[in-house]
C-alpha atoms as a PDB file:
ATOM      1  CA  MET A   1      37.953 107.428 192.553  1.00  0.00           C
ATOM      2  CA  VAL A   2      38.465 103.760 193.257  1.00  0.00           C
ATOM      3  CA  ILE A   3      41.134 101.686 191.534  1.00  0.00           C
ATOM      4  CA  ARG A   4      40.193  98.033 191.251  1.00  0.00           C
ATOM      5  CA  PHE A   5      41.901  95.006 189.790  1.00  0.00           C
ATOM      6  CA  TRP A   6      40.416  93.705 186.557  1.00  0.00           C
ATOM      7  CA  PRO A   7      41.724  90.505 185.024  1.00  0.00           C
ATOM      8  CA  GLY A   8      43.620  90.972 181.769  1.00  0.00           C
ATOM      9  CA  ARG A   9      40.782  89.641 179.612  1.00  0.00           C
ATOM     10  CA  LEU A  10      38.423  92.354 180.929  1.00  0.00           C
ATOM     11  CA  GLY A  11      40.803  95.296 180.778  1.00  0.00           C
ATOM     12  CA  ALA A  12      41.140  97.424 177.632  1.00  0.00           C
ATOM     13  CA  LYS A  13      44.872  98.093 177.906  1.00  0.00           C
ATOM     14  CA  PRO A  14      47.023  96.478 180.562  1.00  0.00           C
ATOM     15  CA  ASP A  15      49.265  98.764 182.590  1.00  0.00           C
ATOM     16  CA  ALA A  16      51.223  98.678 185.823  1.00  0.00           C
ATOM     17  CA  LEU A  17      48.194  99.444 187.971  1.00  0.00           C
ATOM     18  CA  THR A  18      45.917  96.757 186.526  1.00  0.00           C
ATOM     19  CA  ARG A  19      48.464  93.929 186.280  1.00  0.00           C
ATOM     20  CA  ARG A  20      48.998  93.341 190.017  1.00  0.00           C
ATOM     21  CA  TRP A  21      46.032  91.677 191.739  1.00  0.00           C
ATOM     22  CA  ASP A  22      47.774  91.512 195.112  1.00  0.00           C
ATOM     23  CA  VAL A  23      48.184  95.283 195.452  1.00  0.00           C
ATOM     24  CA  TYR A  24      44.524  96.265 195.703  1.00  0.00           C
ATOM     25  CA  PRO A  25      42.313  95.716 198.771  1.00  0.00           C
ATOM     26  CA  LYS A  26      39.580  93.126 198.607  1.00  0.00           C
ATOM     27  CA  GLU A  27      35.909  94.115 198.534  1.00  0.00           C
ATOM     28  CA  GLY A  28      34.920  95.621 201.894  1.00  0.00           C
ATOM     29  CA  ASP A  29      38.541  96.083 203.096  1.00  0.00           C
ATOM     30  CA  THR A  30      39.405  99.786 202.744  1.00  0.00           C
ATOM     31  CA  SER A  31      42.776  99.822 204.416  1.00  0.00           C
ATOM     32  CA  TYR A  32      45.580  99.655 201.875  1.00  0.00           C
ATOM     33  CA  VAL A  33      48.171  99.486 204.637  1.00  0.00           C
ATOM     34  CA  SER A  34      46.698  96.372 206.200  1.00  0.00           C
ATOM     35  CA  VAL A  35      46.639  94.568 202.844  1.00  0.00           C
ATOM     36  CA  ASN A  36      50.154  95.576 201.704  1.00  0.00           C
ATOM     37  CA  PRO A  37      52.353  96.605 204.627  1.00  0.00           C
ATOM     38  CA  GLN A  38      55.506  95.842 202.586  1.00  0.00           C
ATOM     39  CA  ASN A  39      54.700  98.667 200.154  1.00  0.00           C
ATOM     40  CA  LEU A  40      54.595 101.369 202.789  1.00  0.00           C
ATOM     41  CA  ARG A  41      57.957 102.069 204.386  1.00  0.00           C
ATOM     42  CA  PRO A  42      58.983 105.505 205.593  1.00  0.00           C
ATOM     43  CA  ILE A  43      61.768 106.971 203.504  1.00  0.00           C
ATOM     44  CA  PHE A  44      62.722 109.720 205.951  1.00  0.00           C
ATOM     45  CA  THR A  45      62.656 109.760 209.698  1.00  0.00           C
ATOM     46  CA  GLU A  46      60.483 112.275 211.481  1.00  0.00           C
ATOM     47  CA  GLU A  47      63.539 114.327 212.516  1.00  0.00           C
ATOM     48  CA  GLN A  48      64.712 114.561 208.892  1.00  0.00           C
ATOM     49  CA  LEU A  49      61.316 115.812 207.754  1.00  0.00           C
ATOM     50  CA  ILE A  50      61.169 118.419 210.505  1.00  0.00           C
ATOM     51  CA  SER A  51      64.687 119.674 209.749  1.00  0.00           C
ATOM     52  CA  SER A  52      64.003 119.902 205.996  1.00  0.00           C
ATOM     53  CA  LEU A  53      60.760 121.810 206.579  1.00  0.00           C
ATOM     54  CA  ARG A  54      62.543 124.170 208.951  1.00  0.00           C
ATOM     55  CA  ALA A  55      65.325 124.715 206.399  1.00  0.00           C
ATOM     56  CA  THR A  56      62.917 125.506 203.555  1.00  0.00           C
ATOM     57  CA  TYR A  57      60.941 128.031 205.564  1.00  0.00           C
ATOM     58  CA  LEU A  58      63.942 129.772 207.144  1.00  0.00           C
ATOM     59  CA  GLU A  59      66.071 129.973 203.994  1.00  0.00           C
ATOM     60  CA  GLU A  60      66.249 133.333 202.255  1.00  0.00           C
ATOM     61  CA  PRO A  61      64.981 133.580 198.676  1.00  0.00           C
ATOM     62  CA  VAL A  62      67.537 132.995 195.939  1.00  0.00           C
ATOM     63  CA  LEU A  63      66.798 136.256 194.125  1.00  0.00           C
ATOM     64  CA  ARG A  64      67.914 138.242 197.123  1.00  0.00           C
ATOM     65  CA  ALA A  65      71.446 137.008 196.510  1.00  0.00           C
ATOM     66  CA  SER A  66      71.508 138.101 192.874  1.00  0.00           C
ATOM     67  CA  VAL A  67      72.935 141.416 191.821  1.00  0.00           C
ATOM     68  CA  LEU A  68      70.125 143.854 191.170  1.00  0.00           C
ATOM     69  CA  MET A  69      70.360 146.338 188.323  1.00  0.00           C
ATOM     70  CA  ASP A  70      70.995 149.864 189.504  1.00  0.00           C
ATOM     71  CA  ILE A  71      68.867 151.675 186.954  1.00  0.00           C
ATOM     72  CA  GLU A  72      68.894 154.971 188.857  1.00  0.00           C
ATOM     73  CA  LYS A  73      72.702 155.150 188.755  1.00  0.00           C
ATOM     74  CA  LEU A  74      72.665 154.284 185.054  1.00  0.00           C
ATOM     75  CA  HIS A  75      70.143 157.035 184.367  1.00  0.00           C
ATOM     76  CA  SER A  76      72.144 159.580 186.368  1.00  0.00           C
ATOM     77  CA  ASP A  77      75.285 158.605 184.403  1.00  0.00           C
ATOM     78  CA  ILE A  78      73.343 159.096 181.163  1.00  0.00           C
ATOM     79  CA  ARG A  79      72.150 162.545 182.323  1.00  0.00           C
ATOM     80  CA  THR A  80      75.708 163.655 183.163  1.00  0.00           C
ATOM     81  CA  ALA A  81      77.093 162.386 179.825  1.00  0.00           C
ATOM     82  CA  LEU A  82      74.445 164.029 177.618  1.00  0.00           C
ATOM     83  CA  PRO A  83      76.203 167.433 177.254  1.00  0.00           C
ATOM     84  CA  SER A  84      79.455 165.812 176.080  1.00  0.00           C
ATOM     85  CA  ASP A  85      77.875 163.929 173.145  1.00  0.00           C
ATOM     86  CA  PRO A  86      77.350 166.030 169.965  1.00  0.00           C
ATOM     87  CA  GLU A  87      74.402 163.955 168.787  1.00  0.00           C
ATOM     88  CA  ALA A  88      72.733 164.267 172.192  1.00  0.00           C
ATOM     89  CA  VAL A  89      73.278 168.040 172.131  1.00  0.00           C
ATOM     90  CA  ALA A  90      71.614 168.213 168.701  1.00  0.00           C
ATOM     91  CA  GLY A  91      68.754 166.079 170.028  1.00  0.00           C
ATOM     92  CA  MET A  92      68.324 168.405 173.010  1.00  0.00           C
ATOM     93  CA  GLN A  93      68.105 171.360 170.633  1.00  0.00           C
ATOM     94  CA  HIS A  94      65.450 169.516 168.585  1.00  0.00           C
ATOM     95  CA  ALA A  95      63.515 168.754 171.771  1.00  0.00           C
ATOM     96  CA  GLN A  96      63.589 172.422 172.853  1.00  0.00           C
ATOM     97  CA  LYS A  97      62.286 173.459 169.433  1.00  0.00           C
ATOM     98  CA  GLY A  98      59.358 171.037 169.846  1.00  0.00           C
ATOM     99  CA  HIS A  99      60.410 168.343 167.376  1.00  0.00           C
ATOM    100  CA  ASN A 100      58.060 165.331 167.343  1.00  0.00           C
ATOM    101  CA  ARG A 101      60.612 162.575 167.874  1.00  0.00           C
ATOM    102  CA  TRP A 102      62.893 164.231 170.456  1.00  0.00           C
ATOM    103  CA  THR A 103      61.659 165.012 174.000  1.00  0.00           C
ATOM    104  CA  ILE A 104      63.133 165.659 177.432  1.00  0.00           C
ATOM    105  CA  ASP A 105      61.258 163.929 180.262  1.00  0.00           C
ATOM    106  CA  ASP A 106      60.693 165.157 183.833  1.00  0.00           C
ATOM    107  CA  SER A 107      63.866 163.515 185.139  1.00  0.00           C
ATOM    108  CA  GLY A 108      66.044 165.258 182.528  1.00  0.00           C
ATOM    109  CA  LEU A 109      66.619 162.254 180.238  1.00  0.00           C
ATOM    110  CA  LEU A 110      66.673 162.830 176.506  1.00  0.00           C
ATOM    111  CA  ARG A 111      64.215 160.593 174.656  1.00  0.00           C
ATOM    112  CA  LEU A 112      64.110 159.672 170.996  1.00  0.00           C
ATOM    113  CA  ASP A 113      60.787 158.075 169.947  1.00  0.00           C
ATOM    114  CA  ASN A 114      59.943 157.685 173.648  1.00  0.00           C
ATOM    115  CA  ARG A 115      63.160 155.687 174.313  1.00  0.00           C
ATOM    116  CA  ILE A 116      66.018 156.929 176.468  1.00  0.00           C
ATOM    117  CA  PHE A 117      68.864 158.188 174.257  1.00  0.00           C
ATOM    118  CA  VAL A 118      72.206 156.795 175.464  1.00  0.00           C
ATOM    119  CA  PRO A 119      75.244 158.917 174.512  1.00  0.00           C
ATOM    120  CA  LEU A 120      78.286 157.158 173.130  1.00  0.00           C
ATOM    121  CA  ALA A 121      80.487 158.668 175.848  1.00  0.00           C
ATOM    122  CA  ASP A 122      82.134 156.477 178.500  1.00  0.00           C
ATOM    123  CA  ASP A 123      80.840 152.923 178.622  1.00  0.00           C
ATOM    124  CA  LEU A 124      77.117 153.618 178.974  1.00  0.00           C
ATOM    125  CA  CYS A 125      76.116 151.463 176.013  1.00  0.00           C
ATOM    126  CA  LEU A 126      78.174 148.654 177.504  1.00  0.00           C
ATOM    127  CA  GLN A 127      76.388 149.045 180.855  1.00  0.00           C
ATOM    128  CA  VAL A 128      72.989 148.888 179.158  1.00  0.00           C
ATOM    129  CA  CYS A 129      74.008 145.700 177.338  1.00  0.00           C
ATOM    130  CA  LYS A 130      75.330 144.177 180.546  1.00  0.00           C
ATOM    131  CA  HIS A 131      72.077 144.954 182.344  1.00  0.00           C
ATOM    132  CA  HIS A 132      69.933 143.470 179.588  1.00  0.00           C
ATOM    133  CA  HIS A 133      72.093 140.520 178.443  1.00  0.00           C
ATOM    134  CA  ASP A 134      74.427 139.353 181.233  1.00  0.00           C
ATOM    135  CA  HIS A 135      72.134 139.859 184.210  1.00  0.00           C
ATOM    136  CA  VAL A 136      70.917 136.788 186.136  1.00  0.00           C
ATOM    137  CA  LEU A 137      67.338 137.467 185.117  1.00  0.00           C
ATOM    138  CA  ALA A 138      68.186 138.277 181.487  1.00  0.00           C
ATOM    139  CA  SER A 139      69.508 134.774 180.692  1.00  0.00           C
ATOM    140  CA  HIS A 140      71.842 135.523 177.737  1.00  0.00           C
ATOM    141  CA  PHE A 141      69.378 135.835 174.861  1.00  0.00           C
ATOM    142  CA  GLY A 142      70.681 135.968 171.311  1.00  0.00           C
ATOM    143  CA  GLN A 143      71.354 139.045 169.205  1.00  0.00           C
ATOM    144  CA  ASN A 144      67.798 139.726 168.025  1.00  0.00           C
ATOM    145  CA  ARG A 145      66.109 139.153 171.357  1.00  0.00           C
ATOM    146  CA  THR A 146      68.692 141.190 173.284  1.00  0.00           C
ATOM    147  CA  LEU A 147      68.281 144.003 170.784  1.00  0.00           C
ATOM    148  CA  ALA A 148      64.489 143.850 171.109  1.00  0.00           C
ATOM    149  CA  ILE A 149      64.734 143.975 174.915  1.00  0.00           C
ATOM    150  CA  ILE A 150      67.139 146.927 174.856  1.00  0.00           C
ATOM    151  CA  ARG A 151      65.099 148.803 172.223  1.00  0.00           C
ATOM    152  CA  ARG A 152      62.041 148.749 174.454  1.00  0.00           C
ATOM    153  CA  SER A 153      63.657 151.382 176.657  1.00  0.00           C
ATOM    154  CA  TYR A 154      66.926 152.636 175.131  1.00  0.00           C
ATOM    155  CA  THR A 155      68.394 153.756 171.828  1.00  0.00           C
ATOM    156  CA  TRP A 156      71.701 155.122 170.508  1.00  0.00           C
ATOM    157  CA  PRO A 157      73.421 155.446 167.111  1.00  0.00           C
ATOM    158  CA  ARG A 158      74.379 152.138 165.473  1.00  0.00           C
ATOM    159  CA  ILE A 159      72.679 150.153 168.260  1.00  0.00           C
ATOM    160  CA  TRP A 160      72.348 147.032 166.094  1.00  0.00           C
ATOM    161  CA  ASP A 161      76.106 146.821 165.418  1.00  0.00           C
ATOM    162  CA  PHE A 162      76.970 147.385 169.064  1.00  0.00           C
ATOM    163  CA  VAL A 163      74.568 144.726 170.385  1.00  0.00           C
ATOM    164  CA  LYS A 164      75.629 142.257 167.687  1.00  0.00           C
ATOM    165  CA  ASP A 165      79.314 142.682 168.593  1.00  0.00           C
ATOM    166  CA  TYR A 166      78.540 142.481 172.308  1.00  0.00           C
ATOM    167  CA  VAL A 167      76.582 139.227 172.026  1.00  0.00           C
ATOM    168  CA  ARG A 168      79.216 137.728 169.702  1.00  0.00           C
ATOM    169  CA  SER A 169      81.965 138.482 172.222  1.00  0.00           C
ATOM    170  CA  CYS A 170      80.017 137.089 175.197  1.00  0.00           C
ATOM    171  CA  THR A 171      82.021 134.140 176.564  1.00  0.00           C
ATOM    172  CA  ASP A 172      79.026 132.427 178.184  1.00  0.00           C
ATOM    173  CA  CYS A 173      77.043 132.536 174.937  1.00  0.00           C
ATOM    174  CA  GLY A 174      80.002 131.219 172.945  1.00  0.00           C
ATOM    175  CA  ARG A 175      80.529 128.394 175.412  1.00  0.00           C
ATOM    176  CA  ASN A 176      76.885 127.329 175.528  1.00  0.00           C
ATOM    177  CA  LYS A 177      75.929 127.888 171.911  1.00  0.00           C
ATOM    178  CA  LEU A 178      75.178 124.770 169.916  1.00  0.00           C
ATOM    179  CA  ARG A 179      77.222 124.145 166.786  1.00  0.00           C
ATOM    180  CA  ARG A 180      75.010 124.175 163.703  1.00  0.00           C
ATOM    181  CA  HIS A 181      77.454 122.460 161.363  1.00  0.00           C
ATOM    182  CA  GLN A 182      78.903 119.000 160.998  1.00  0.00           C
ATOM    183  CA  PRO A 183      82.107 118.242 162.887  1.00  0.00           C
ATOM    184  CA  TYR A 184      85.292 119.100 161.073  1.00  0.00           C
ATOM    185  CA  ARG A 185      86.939 116.204 159.274  1.00  0.00           C
ATOM    186  CA  MET A 186      90.523 115.107 159.478  1.00  0.00           C
ATOM    187  CA  LEU A 187      92.804 117.168 157.285  1.00  0.00           C
ATOM    188  CA  LYS A 188      94.330 115.326 154.360  1.00  0.00           C
ATOM    189  CA  PRO A 189      97.600 116.407 152.789  1.00  0.00           C
ATOM    190  CA  LEU A 190      97.522 117.910 149.328  1.00  0.00           C
ATOM    191  CA  PRO A 191      99.227 115.964 146.556  1.00  0.00           C
ATOM    192  CA  VAL A 192     102.797 116.937 145.797  1.00  0.00           C
ATOM    193  CA  PRO A 193     102.953 119.064 142.647  1.00  0.00           C
ATOM    194  CA  THR A 194     105.056 117.663 139.824  1.00  0.00           C
END
């Protein structure tokens, strides 16, 4: 591709590249540097370029510094809490009878509709919400999206209410959420009753 100067009367639409006649090399002269040496000045010294390249290649990835979700610990906590939850015990009985919706997988987790059943004991539901809402890679989605992400793998009684309350009480979401109403006006005093 060759960019050439065309006078304004010949060009369709003038722009920054076609307006300057002194920027382009003349016919036969291919060296842009020899025509316009004032346009080519080094921004960085050679030492700065070498040090920046060295820094980018030797730096560790950013994701390595983030806190990774410990799913195995969460699953082991769920397994230990299953016998203490009455609804989980009833689900285990249904799974042993061969009920369609309830199953127990190879690792000992109780599943309802192929999702891991989380007992309401301890703070397991809270841990699941933290892993799927507050995590660096989760990026604080709203109520519906957080619920959809959690429901891909987990379920528990009244999951919608729990996730809704959790997202509402999230300080980062409250701080960064846009207001969808007009600013409040100045308060005016009520007239004095007579």
